[in-house]
């Protein structure tokens, strides 16, 4: 087994923001997750830690969605229990190919102009126009064309998709709305906000921190929430802290008020009176490069490698204790969640099919085909989760026992995603994510034409998956779940992806109360600062 560390370029890429995109798009109005009896602070400052910098605050860019909920609103929101609740829209209705949203009265943009239905329609059209190449919006929106119309007198925005789509309200309805002033100069959105949200971006430093200041008169948040209740902060400072050990230290000393921690540092945060909220995650979500010139384009080989793994052992390593092998590609709080992994992932018997497919061992015990030895480049990054390099190492040890020559590479977050979306120089990559709340949001990662420059970085081609997706999209909401789960099962049978463990991340609060939405996003209007 070869080990080496490659210097990491300052590359930016789509999927580095994918988890943040999903969390931010779905940030709704969950219930309180903490309580304290100390007095509330009037007009204070709350500091929130984030693991990576935000090079652009455009909410439709590949990174801007992660903090969009502080300065932008969406037509609807999602509560902690998964129900859709009001946002900018006070009511809505949807069918298989259309949806209509009726706006609240009195909504204003941060420049004090009134938000009209026409303004919302313009924002949705801009986000959905493929010519604008807005990666963050593409991750969140339906993967099909749609049209938007508006009636300012009736305050209605109507959307129609080109073909049936299960989740119009939970995609288009959850997209941040950019006000007309922002669309007049989209380039300026990198460094300023033009939304209707409870805060305004008022300070930006490259690499952080980022300062948000409270707006006056805001009263149209989730379920009509405002931002002027006692204890709501006057300022929110988002500071970049890449190392979880440092985040833990800052939480214990009050250097930050709110932060998410996923690894073993959680143990030393217990018993210190911190507020906590658990966020379901998929730990060790693994992809295989199926590009035609890479060895894992062979499905028999992929299935054999997955079948050889000790899933329980990997889960234990991924969790850092007694772990549970993942049940699905999505997390436990996602729509249509079901145990599809156990019955569909390849078993150890898949190893026996290697010889029939032409994979044999040479005199040195090295596995190969047609005289060419098998060598795999396996990438991981502690930036995605502190246990993931150890997960990758256990995979490498298992595959080495099969006769595979493994090049085990530990990289930074940016270097890993550059390999995924840039050079393509990887065979296996181990990551971690809260996971999308909707199965439809996985489709671009497994169905985009590989040559399109889209999200299908692993070059997956799975006709069975595509067939079940097409069926699922024709059914409304949860009625589509049976077909979505069959689609996920098709991916697992073909070893197109491997979820390692079901886990959780924990959001902590120091002298704060707050709420989280599905996916782990902090609900800005829920934050209360205590003395």
Protein backbone atom coordinates (compact mmCIF):
# COMPACT_ATOMS: atom_id res chain seq x y z
CA UNK A 1 0.00 0.00 0.00
CA UNK A 2 1.43 3.33 -1.05
CA UNK A 3 0.95 6.44 1.07
CA UNK A 4 1.67 9.97 0.10
CA UNK A 5 0.35 13.45 0.69
CA UNK A 6 0.03 15.83 -2.23
CA UNK A 7 0.21 19.58 -1.77
CA UNK A 8 -3.26 21.08 -2.13
CA UNK A 9 -4.12 23.84 -4.60
CA UNK A 10 -6.58 26.52 -3.57
CA UNK A 11 -9.13 25.00 -5.91
CA UNK A 12 -12.84 25.59 -5.61
CA UNK A 13 -15.45 23.13 -6.76
CA UNK A 14 -19.09 22.23 -6.86
CA UNK A 15 -19.33 19.46 -4.33
CA UNK A 16 -17.28 21.19 -1.65
CA UNK A 17 -20.36 23.31 -1.24
CA UNK A 18 -22.87 20.54 -1.84
CA UNK A 19 -23.50 19.73 1.83
CA UNK A 20 -23.68 23.42 2.66
CA UNK A 21 -25.97 24.05 -0.30
CA UNK A 22 -28.40 21.38 0.81
CA UNK A 23 -28.39 22.54 4.43
CA UNK A 24 -28.87 26.17 3.50
CA UNK A 25 -31.62 25.59 0.94
CA UNK A 26 -33.56 23.50 3.42
CA UNK A 27 -32.98 25.70 6.46
CA UNK A 28 -36.46 26.15 7.87
CA UNK A 29 -38.00 26.68 11.28
CA UNK A 30 -37.20 23.80 13.58
CA UNK A 31 -38.02 23.70 17.28
CA UNK A 32 -35.82 25.01 20.08
CA UNK A 33 -33.02 22.61 20.94
CA UNK A 34 -31.71 24.21 24.11
CA UNK A 35 -32.81 26.17 27.15
CA UNK A 36 -31.19 28.41 29.71
CA UNK A 37 -32.38 30.35 32.72
CA UNK A 38 -29.91 33.21 32.43
CA UNK A 39 -31.19 36.64 31.28
CA UNK A 40 -31.45 37.49 27.62
CA UNK A 41 -29.00 39.94 26.11
CA UNK A 42 -30.45 42.93 24.30
CA UNK A 43 -28.68 43.86 21.05
CA UNK A 44 -25.66 41.59 21.46
CA UNK A 45 -23.35 39.79 19.04
CA UNK A 46 -23.41 36.06 18.29
CA UNK A 47 -20.33 34.42 16.77
CA UNK A 48 -20.85 31.32 14.62
CA UNK A 49 -17.97 29.11 13.45
CA UNK A 50 -17.86 27.63 9.96
CA UNK A 51 -15.18 25.22 8.67
CA UNK A 52 -14.54 26.89 5.31
CA UNK A 53 -14.45 30.38 3.87
CA UNK A 54 -17.12 31.76 1.56
CA UNK A 55 -15.55 33.29 -1.57
CA UNK A 56 -18.92 34.50 -2.87
CA UNK A 57 -22.13 35.44 -1.07
CA UNK A 58 -24.24 35.16 -4.20
CA UNK A 59 -26.88 32.71 -2.89
CA UNK A 60 -26.96 30.98 -6.27
CA UNK A 61 -23.21 30.43 -6.45
CA UNK A 62 -21.49 27.19 -5.47
CA UNK A 63 -20.62 28.50 -1.99
CA UNK A 64 -23.03 31.36 -1.32
CA UNK A 65 -25.97 29.18 -0.30
CA UNK A 66 -24.26 28.11 2.92
CA UNK A 67 -24.96 31.45 4.62
CA UNK A 68 -27.89 32.64 2.50
CA UNK A 69 -30.55 32.22 5.19
CA UNK A 70 -29.20 35.18 7.17
CA UNK A 71 -29.84 37.68 4.36
CA UNK A 72 -32.34 35.95 2.06
CA UNK A 73 -35.76 34.37 2.41
CA UNK A 74 -37.52 31.68 0.39
CA UNK A 75 -41.16 31.31 -0.58
CA UNK A 76 -41.66 28.53 1.98
CA UNK A 77 -39.67 26.93 4.79
CA UNK A 78 -39.37 23.45 6.26
CA UNK A 79 -39.98 22.81 9.94
CA UNK A 80 -37.92 20.43 12.05
CA UNK A 81 -40.60 17.77 11.65
CA UNK A 82 -40.37 18.03 7.85
CA UNK A 83 -43.60 19.95 7.26
CA UNK A 84 -43.65 22.81 4.78
CA UNK A 85 -44.52 26.13 6.47
CA UNK A 86 -44.93 29.71 5.34
CA UNK A 87 -42.08 31.98 4.30
CA UNK A 88 -42.44 34.83 1.84
CA UNK A 89 -45.58 33.04 0.68
CA UNK A 90 -48.54 32.90 3.04
CA UNK A 91 -50.15 30.06 1.10
CA UNK A 92 -49.38 27.76 -1.84
CA UNK A 93 -50.72 24.84 -3.84
CA UNK A 94 -49.05 22.36 -6.16
CA UNK A 95 -49.79 19.65 -8.70
CA UNK A 96 -47.65 17.25 -10.72
CA UNK A 97 -46.29 19.93 -13.06
CA UNK A 98 -47.17 23.25 -11.44
CA UNK A 99 -47.24 25.26 -8.23
CA UNK A 100 -48.62 28.62 -7.20
CA UNK A 101 -47.44 30.81 -4.31
CA UNK A 102 -49.31 33.80 -2.84
CA UNK A 103 -46.97 36.37 -1.27
CA UNK A 104 -47.45 37.99 2.12
CA UNK A 105 -48.27 41.66 2.19
CA UNK A 106 -45.67 44.17 3.28
CA UNK A 107 -42.45 42.30 2.43
CA UNK A 108 -39.56 44.64 1.65
CA UNK A 109 -36.03 44.21 0.36
CA UNK A 110 -32.99 45.41 2.26
CA UNK A 111 -32.98 48.56 0.07
CA UNK A 112 -36.52 49.24 1.42
CA UNK A 113 -38.27 48.62 -1.90
CA UNK A 114 -41.37 46.42 -1.86
CA UNK A 115 -40.99 42.83 -3.04
CA UNK A 116 -43.50 42.08 -5.79
CA UNK A 117 -44.55 38.85 -7.43
CA UNK A 118 -42.77 40.04 -10.58
CA UNK A 119 -39.58 40.50 -8.57
CA UNK A 120 -39.79 36.95 -7.24
CA UNK A 121 -40.46 35.57 -10.73
CA UNK A 122 -37.45 37.42 -12.10
CA UNK A 123 -35.25 35.89 -9.39
CA UNK A 124 -36.47 32.35 -10.07
CA UNK A 125 -35.97 32.76 -13.81
CA UNK A 126 -32.45 34.02 -13.28
CA UNK A 127 -31.59 31.11 -10.98
CA UNK A 128 -33.02 28.54 -13.38
CA UNK A 129 -31.46 29.89 -16.59
CA UNK A 130 -28.71 27.41 -17.59
CA UNK A 131 -26.85 30.18 -19.41
CA UNK A 132 -26.04 31.77 -16.06
CA UNK A 133 -24.24 28.60 -14.91
CA UNK A 134 -25.26 29.04 -11.27
CA UNK A 135 -23.95 25.91 -9.59
CA UNK A 136 -25.59 26.46 -6.22
CA UNK A 137 -28.99 27.06 -7.76
CA UNK A 138 -28.60 24.04 -10.02
CA UNK A 139 -27.96 21.83 -7.02
CA UNK A 140 -31.18 22.98 -5.41
CA UNK A 141 -33.60 23.35 -8.31
CA UNK A 142 -35.46 20.65 -10.27
CA UNK A 143 -33.27 19.05 -12.90
CA UNK A 144 -35.62 20.05 -15.70
CA UNK A 145 -36.74 23.27 -17.40
CA UNK A 146 -39.48 25.33 -15.78
CA UNK A 147 -41.31 28.56 -16.55
CA UNK A 148 -42.41 31.28 -14.12
CA UNK A 149 -45.22 33.84 -14.34
CA UNK A 150 -46.45 36.51 -11.94
CA UNK A 151 -49.57 38.49 -11.12
CA UNK A 152 -48.66 41.53 -9.04
CA UNK A 153 -52.26 42.46 -8.31
CA UNK A 154 -53.02 39.01 -6.88
CA UNK A 155 -49.49 38.70 -5.37
CA UNK A 156 -49.10 35.26 -6.99
CA UNK A 157 -46.07 33.53 -8.50
CA UNK A 158 -46.81 30.50 -10.66
CA UNK A 159 -44.32 27.83 -11.75
CA UNK A 160 -44.75 25.13 -14.38
CA UNK A 161 -42.26 22.35 -15.08
CA UNK A 162 -41.67 20.78 -18.49
CA UNK A 163 -42.61 17.36 -17.13
CA UNK A 164 -43.92 15.94 -13.82
CA UNK A 165 -41.75 16.63 -10.78
CA UNK A 166 -42.41 15.29 -7.29
CA UNK A 167 -41.08 18.17 -5.24
CA UNK A 168 -41.78 21.54 -6.86
CA UNK A 169 -42.62 23.23 -3.57
CA UNK A 170 -39.63 21.72 -1.73
CA UNK A 171 -37.15 22.88 -4.38
CA UNK A 172 -38.30 26.04 -6.12
CA UNK A 173 -40.18 27.08 -2.99
CA UNK A 174 -37.02 26.80 -0.88
CA UNK A 175 -34.67 28.71 -3.17
CA UNK A 176 -33.46 32.06 -1.74
CA UNK A 177 -35.09 35.02 -3.49
CA UNK A 178 -32.76 37.78 -4.73
CA UNK A 179 -34.28 41.24 -4.92
CA UNK A 180 -34.30 43.22 -8.18
CA UNK A 181 -31.39 45.43 -7.08
CA UNK A 182 -29.20 42.33 -6.86
CA UNK A 183 -30.25 41.04 -10.26
CA UNK A 184 -29.41 44.43 -11.78
CA UNK A 185 -25.77 43.84 -10.80
CA UNK A 186 -25.25 40.11 -10.08
CA UNK A 187 -21.49 40.50 -9.80
CA UNK A 188 -21.92 42.69 -6.74
CA UNK A 189 -23.69 39.85 -4.91
CA UNK A 190 -20.29 38.28 -4.24
CA UNK A 191 -19.66 40.89 -1.54
CA UNK A 192 -23.06 42.29 -0.57
CA UNK A 193 -26.56 40.99 0.02
CA UNK A 194 -29.74 42.10 -1.74
CA UNK A 195 -32.50 40.09 -0.11
CA UNK A 196 -35.48 40.28 2.20
CA UNK A 197 -33.85 38.36 5.07
CA UNK A 198 -33.55 39.22 8.77
CA UNK A 199 -29.92 40.37 8.42
CA UNK A 200 -27.80 42.25 5.89
CA UNK A 201 -24.21 41.39 5.00
CA UNK A 202 -22.38 44.47 6.29
CA UNK A 203 -18.77 43.34 6.51
CA UNK A 204 -16.58 40.97 4.50
CA UNK A 205 -12.94 39.99 4.90
CA UNK A 206 -11.26 37.48 2.62
CA UNK A 207 -11.02 34.29 4.66
CA UNK A 208 -13.48 35.69 7.20
CA UNK A 209 -14.94 36.92 9.42
CA UNK A 210 -18.26 37.88 7.82
CA UNK A 211 -20.55 40.34 9.58
CA UNK A 212 -24.35 40.38 9.36
CA UNK A 213 -26.37 43.26 10.88
CA UNK A 214 -30.03 43.03 11.91
CA UNK A 215 -32.66 44.70 9.75
CA UNK A 216 -35.41 46.80 11.27
CA UNK A 217 -39.04 45.97 10.61
CA UNK A 218 -38.53 42.36 9.54
CA UNK A 219 -41.69 40.29 10.16
CA UNK A 220 -42.02 37.62 7.44
CA UNK A 221 -39.72 34.79 8.49
CA UNK A 222 -40.79 31.15 8.93
CA UNK A 223 -44.40 31.13 10.15
CA UNK A 224 -44.26 34.94 10.29
CA UNK A 225 -41.23 35.13 12.60
CA UNK A 226 -39.58 38.49 13.20
CA UNK A 227 -36.10 39.49 14.36
CA UNK A 228 -36.83 41.95 17.18
CA UNK A 229 -37.67 39.63 20.08
CA UNK A 230 -35.64 39.97 23.30
CA UNK A 231 -32.33 38.18 22.98
CA UNK A 232 -32.14 38.24 19.19
CA UNK A 233 -28.64 39.43 18.29
CA UNK A 234 -27.99 42.77 16.69
CA UNK A 235 -24.98 41.31 14.89
CA UNK A 236 -23.98 37.84 13.72
CA UNK A 237 -20.29 37.24 13.07
CA UNK A 238 -19.38 34.15 11.03
CA UNK A 239 -15.76 33.18 11.60
CA UNK A 240 -13.79 30.54 9.69
CA UNK A 241 -12.31 27.84 11.95
CA UNK A 242 -11.16 24.77 9.93
CA UNK A 243 -9.98 22.58 12.83
CA UNK A 244 -12.61 20.93 15.01
CA UNK A 245 -10.27 20.78 18.01
CA UNK A 246 -9.98 24.56 17.85
CA UNK A 247 -13.76 24.87 17.48
CA UNK A 248 -14.20 22.78 20.64
CA UNK A 249 -11.77 24.97 22.56
CA UNK A 250 -13.60 28.11 21.45
CA UNK A 251 -16.97 26.67 22.46
CA UNK A 252 -15.67 25.88 25.93
CA UNK A 253 -14.19 29.36 26.42
CA UNK A 254 -16.95 31.37 24.76
CA UNK A 255 -14.82 32.33 21.76
CA UNK A 256 -17.73 31.21 19.56
CA UNK A 257 -21.40 30.86 20.44
CA UNK A 258 -22.59 28.32 17.87
CA UNK A 259 -20.69 25.63 15.93
CA UNK A 260 -21.10 22.13 14.52
CA UNK A 261 -18.73 19.35 15.59
CA UNK A 262 -18.73 15.88 14.02
CA UNK A 263 -15.71 14.04 15.42
CA UNK A 264 -14.30 12.79 18.73
CA UNK A 265 -13.93 16.31 20.15
CA UNK A 266 -17.59 16.01 21.07
CA UNK A 267 -16.61 13.86 24.03
CA UNK A 268 -14.89 16.72 25.82
CA UNK A 269 -17.80 19.08 25.18
CA UNK A 270 -20.17 16.94 27.23
CA UNK A 271 -21.14 18.19 30.68
CA UNK A 272 -20.30 21.85 30.17
CA UNK A 273 -23.84 23.19 29.88
CA UNK A 274 -23.71 23.74 26.15
CA UNK A 275 -26.90 23.65 24.11
CA UNK A 276 -26.96 20.73 21.67
CA UNK A 277 -28.83 19.58 18.59
CA UNK A 278 -28.19 16.32 16.78
CA UNK A 279 -28.09 16.31 12.96
CA UNK A 280 -28.28 12.92 11.19
CA UNK A 281 -25.46 12.36 8.71
CA UNK A 282 -24.08 9.77 6.32
CA UNK A 283 -20.47 9.12 7.32
CA UNK A 284 -18.02 7.88 4.75
CA UNK A 285 -20.17 8.33 1.64
CA UNK A 286 -17.89 6.79 -0.97
CA UNK A 287 -17.83 7.30 -4.75
CA UNK A 288 -16.01 5.34 -7.46
CA UNK A 289 -14.58 6.88 -10.62
CA UNK A 290 -16.32 5.09 -13.49
CA UNK A 291 -14.70 7.06 -16.29
CA UNK A 292 -13.97 4.74 -19.22
CA UNK A 293 -10.19 5.00 -18.84
CA UNK A 294 -10.23 4.14 -15.10
CA UNK A 295 -10.27 0.54 -13.79
CA UNK A 296 -13.48 1.00 -11.80
CA UNK A 297 -15.47 1.47 -14.96
CA UNK A 298 -15.75 -2.33 -14.65
CA UNK A 299 -18.89 -3.00 -12.53
CA UNK A 300 -17.70 -6.50 -11.61
CA UNK A 301 -14.57 -5.02 -10.05
CA UNK A 302 -16.53 -2.35 -8.16
CA UNK A 303 -18.93 -4.94 -6.80
CA UNK A 304 -16.07 -7.20 -5.72
CA UNK A 305 -14.29 -4.37 -3.90
CA UNK A 306 -17.46 -3.35 -2.05
CA UNK A 307 -18.36 -6.97 -1.29
CA UNK A 308 -14.94 -7.59 0.26
CA UNK A 309 -15.35 -4.85 2.85
CA UNK A 310 -16.28 -5.44 6.49
CA UNK A 311 -19.16 -2.96 6.75
CA UNK A 312 -19.46 -3.26 10.53
CA UNK A 313 -15.74 -2.71 10.97
CA UNK A 314 -15.84 0.32 8.69
CA UNK A 315 -18.82 1.73 10.59
CA UNK A 316 -17.00 1.32 13.89
CA UNK A 317 -14.02 3.23 12.54
CA UNK A 318 -16.22 5.91 10.98
CA UNK A 319 -18.06 6.58 14.24
CA UNK A 320 -15.04 6.06 16.49
CA UNK A 321 -16.89 3.43 18.51
CA UNK A 322 -19.81 1.07 18.03
CA UNK A 323 -21.05 2.16 14.62
CA UNK A 324 -24.09 1.17 12.58
CA UNK A 325 -23.59 0.39 8.88
CA UNK A 326 -25.45 2.95 6.80
CA UNK A 327 -28.97 2.05 5.75
CA UNK A 328 -29.18 4.46 2.80
CA UNK A 329 -27.32 7.08 0.78
CA UNK A 330 -29.36 9.81 2.49
CA UNK A 331 -29.53 10.61 6.19
CA UNK A 332 -32.18 9.37 8.59
CA UNK A 333 -34.20 12.62 8.55
CA UNK A 334 -34.52 12.74 4.75
CA UNK A 335 -37.76 12.24 2.84
CA UNK A 336 -38.28 8.64 1.65
CA UNK A 337 -35.57 7.34 4.00
CA UNK A 338 -35.56 3.55 4.10
CA UNK A 339 -33.11 0.70 4.68
CA UNK A 340 -32.11 -0.17 1.13
CA UNK A 341 -28.42 -0.94 1.74
CA UNK A 342 -28.53 -4.29 3.52
CA UNK A 343 -30.41 -6.12 0.76
CA UNK A 344 -28.76 -4.45 -2.20
CA UNK A 345 -25.06 -3.88 -1.57
CA UNK A 346 -22.82 -6.57 -3.10
CA UNK A 347 -21.88 -9.41 -0.76
CA UNK A 348 -18.54 -11.18 -0.37
CA UNK A 349 -19.60 -13.64 -3.06
CA UNK A 350 -18.95 -10.87 -5.60
CA UNK A 351 -15.22 -11.45 -5.09
CA UNK A 352 -15.54 -14.90 -6.69
CA UNK A 353 -16.71 -13.35 -9.95
CA UNK A 354 -13.42 -11.56 -10.56
CA UNK A 355 -11.70 -14.45 -12.31
CA UNK A 356 -14.62 -14.97 -14.68
CA UNK A 357 -14.34 -11.28 -15.60
CA UNK A 358 -10.64 -11.67 -16.43
CA UNK A 359 -9.10 -10.40 -13.18
CA UNK A 360 -6.31 -12.73 -12.05
CA UNK A 361 -3.29 -12.63 -9.73
CA UNK A 362 0.29 -12.66 -10.99
CA UNK A 363 3.22 -14.51 -9.40
CA UNK A 364 3.57 -11.74 -6.81
CA UNK A 365 -0.06 -12.03 -5.83
CA UNK A 366 -0.97 -8.72 -7.50
CA UNK A 367 -4.42 -8.52 -9.07
CA UNK A 368 -4.58 -7.46 -12.70
CA UNK A 369 -6.21 -7.90 -16.08
CA UNK A 370 -4.59 -8.60 -19.44
CA UNK A 371 -1.16 -8.24 -17.88
CA UNK A 372 -1.84 -4.83 -16.32
CA UNK A 373 -1.71 -4.71 -12.50
CA UNK A 374 -4.60 -3.05 -10.67
CA UNK A 375 -3.65 0.13 -8.90
CA UNK A 376 -6.19 2.44 -7.26
CA UNK A 377 -5.86 6.02 -6.06
CA UNK A 378 -7.95 6.34 -2.88
CA UNK A 379 -8.60 9.88 -1.62
CA UNK A 380 -9.83 11.10 1.75
CA UNK A 381 -9.65 14.28 3.79
CA UNK A 382 -9.91 14.92 7.50
CA UNK A 383 -11.56 18.21 6.51
CA UNK A 384 -14.69 16.20 5.66
CA UNK A 385 -14.56 14.31 8.96
CA UNK A 386 -11.76 13.42 11.35
CA UNK A 387 -12.35 9.65 11.06
CA UNK A 388 -12.46 9.46 7.28
CA UNK A 389 -8.71 8.92 6.69
CA UNK A 390 -8.95 5.89 9.00
CA UNK A 391 -11.99 4.62 7.06
CA UNK A 392 -9.99 4.94 3.85
CA UNK A 393 -7.04 3.15 5.43
CA UNK A 394 -9.19 0.16 6.45
CA UNK A 395 -10.60 0.01 2.91
CA UNK A 396 -7.07 0.06 1.53
CA UNK A 397 -5.91 -2.75 3.83
CA UNK A 398 -8.86 -4.92 2.79
CA UNK A 399 -8.27 -4.35 -0.91
CA UNK A 400 -4.55 -4.91 -0.56
CA UNK A 401 -5.37 -8.37 0.80
CA UNK A 402 -7.20 -9.01 -2.49
CA UNK A 403 -4.03 -8.14 -4.39
CA UNK A 404 -4.84 -4.50 -5.19
CA UNK A 405 -2.06 -1.93 -5.18
CA UNK A 406 -3.57 1.04 -3.31
CA UNK A 407 -2.23 4.57 -3.44
CA UNK A 408 -3.71 6.02 -0.23
CA UNK A 409 -3.77 9.82 -0.37
CA UNK A 410 -4.71 12.23 2.40
CA UNK A 411 -5.57 15.69 1.09
CA UNK A 412 -7.21 18.97 2.03
CA UNK A 413 -10.87 19.52 1.24
CA UNK A 414 -10.04 21.76 -1.72
CA UNK A 415 -7.52 19.33 -3.20
CA UNK A 416 -9.98 16.43 -3.01
CA UNK A 417 -12.75 18.31 -4.77
CA UNK A 418 -10.27 19.55 -7.38
CA UNK A 419 -9.45 15.93 -8.15
CA UNK A 420 -13.15 15.07 -8.31
CA UNK A 421 -14.30 17.92 -10.53
CA UNK A 422 -11.05 19.04 -12.10
CA UNK A 423 -8.33 16.55 -12.91
CA UNK A 424 -10.41 13.41 -12.36
CA UNK A 425 -7.28 11.82 -10.87
CA UNK A 426 -8.93 9.49 -8.36
CA UNK A 427 -10.49 6.05 -8.30
CA UNK A 428 -12.20 6.12 -4.90
CA UNK A 429 -13.08 9.10 -2.72
CA UNK A 430 -14.42 8.89 0.83
CA UNK A 431 -16.52 11.81 2.04
CA UNK A 432 -19.22 12.73 4.52
CA UNK A 433 -22.37 14.79 4.32
CA UNK A 434 -25.61 15.58 6.14
CA UNK A 435 -27.12 14.27 2.91
CA UNK A 436 -29.86 15.91 0.85
CA UNK A 437 -33.37 16.01 2.27
CA UNK A 438 -34.90 15.00 -1.07
CA UNK A 439 -33.88 11.95 -3.12
CA UNK A 440 -34.40 14.04 -6.25
CA UNK A 441 -31.44 16.22 -5.23
CA UNK A 442 -29.11 13.26 -5.77
CA UNK A 443 -30.12 12.84 -9.40
CA UNK A 444 -27.56 15.27 -10.91
CA UNK A 445 -24.74 13.38 -9.18
CA UNK A 446 -25.73 10.09 -10.80
CA UNK A 447 -27.47 11.07 -14.05
CA UNK A 448 -25.86 14.18 -15.51
CA UNK A 449 -24.07 13.46 -18.80
CA UNK A 450 -20.43 13.07 -17.68
CA UNK A 451 -19.20 15.31 -20.48
CA UNK A 452 -21.57 18.17 -19.58
CA UNK A 453 -19.39 19.68 -16.86
CA UNK A 454 -22.21 19.01 -14.39
CA UNK A 455 -22.31 17.27 -11.02
CA UNK A 456 -21.78 13.66 -12.16
CA UNK A 457 -18.07 13.74 -11.30
CA UNK A 458 -17.92 9.93 -10.95
CA UNK A 459 -19.20 9.36 -14.52
CA UNK A 460 -22.02 7.10 -13.34
CA UNK A 461 -24.25 5.53 -15.99
CA UNK A 462 -27.02 3.41 -14.50
CA UNK A 463 -30.08 2.80 -16.74
CA UNK A 464 -32.04 1.13 -13.92
CA UNK A 465 -31.55 4.17 -11.70
CA UNK A 466 -32.65 6.50 -14.48
CA UNK A 467 -35.74 4.38 -15.16
CA UNK A 468 -36.93 4.43 -11.54
CA UNK A 469 -36.15 8.14 -11.24
CA UNK A 470 -38.36 8.84 -14.26
CA UNK A 471 -41.19 6.90 -12.62
CA UNK A 472 -40.69 8.58 -9.24
CA UNK A 473 -40.84 12.06 -10.74
CA UNK A 474 -44.34 11.36 -12.04
CA UNK A 475 -45.73 10.80 -8.53
CA UNK A 476 -46.41 13.57 -5.99
CA UNK A 477 -44.43 13.88 -2.76
CA UNK A 478 -44.20 10.82 -0.55
CA UNK A 479 -46.23 8.76 -3.04
CA UNK A 480 -43.01 8.60 -5.07
CA UNK A 481 -40.94 7.05 -2.27
CA UNK A 482 -41.23 3.43 -3.42
CA UNK A 483 -39.69 4.30 -6.78
CA UNK A 484 -37.05 6.57 -5.23
CA UNK A 485 -35.96 3.69 -3.01
CA UNK A 486 -35.82 1.33 -5.99
CA UNK A 487 -33.62 3.89 -7.73
CA UNK A 488 -31.29 4.04 -4.74
CA UNK A 489 -31.18 0.26 -4.61
CA UNK A 490 -30.06 0.19 -8.25
CA UNK A 491 -27.11 2.44 -7.40
CA UNK A 492 -26.06 0.21 -4.51
CA UNK A 493 -26.37 -3.03 -6.48
CA UNK A 494 -24.09 -1.61 -9.14
CA UNK A 495 -21.66 -0.30 -6.50
CA UNK A 496 -22.00 3.23 -7.85
CA UNK A 497 -21.82 4.53 -4.28
CA UNK A 498 -21.19 3.16 -0.80
CA UNK A 499 -22.55 4.80 2.38
CA UNK A 500 -20.40 3.60 5.28
CA UNK A 501 -22.16 4.52 8.53
CA UNK A 502 -25.21 6.23 9.94
CA UNK A 503 -24.01 8.97 12.24
CA UNK A 504 -24.74 12.37 13.67
CA UNK A 505 -23.14 15.75 13.85
CA UNK A 506 -23.80 17.96 16.85
CA UNK A 507 -24.54 21.68 16.82
CA UNK A 508 -23.43 23.30 20.07
CA UNK A 509 -24.39 26.61 21.59
CA UNK A 510 -22.53 28.62 24.23
CA UNK A 511 -24.97 30.87 26.11
CA UNK A 512 -27.40 30.70 23.22
CA UNK A 513 -30.70 29.08 22.41
CA UNK A 514 -31.44 28.31 18.79
CA UNK A 515 -33.23 25.97 16.41
CA UNK A 516 -31.96 23.83 13.58
CA UNK A 517 -33.74 22.76 10.42
CA UNK A 518 -33.48 19.43 8.59
CA UNK A 519 -29.92 19.20 7.31
CA UNK A 520 -28.47 21.12 10.25
CA UNK A 521 -28.92 24.73 9.17
CA UNK A 522 -29.31 27.29 11.96
CA UNK A 523 -32.61 29.18 11.76
CA UNK A 524 -31.51 32.84 12.08
CA UNK A 525 -34.77 34.10 13.61
CA UNK A 526 -34.54 31.45 16.35
CA UNK A 527 -31.21 32.59 17.83
CA UNK A 528 -31.34 34.03 21.36
CA UNK A 529 -28.26 35.26 23.25
CA UNK A 530 -28.08 34.86 27.02
CA UNK A 531 -25.79 36.52 29.54
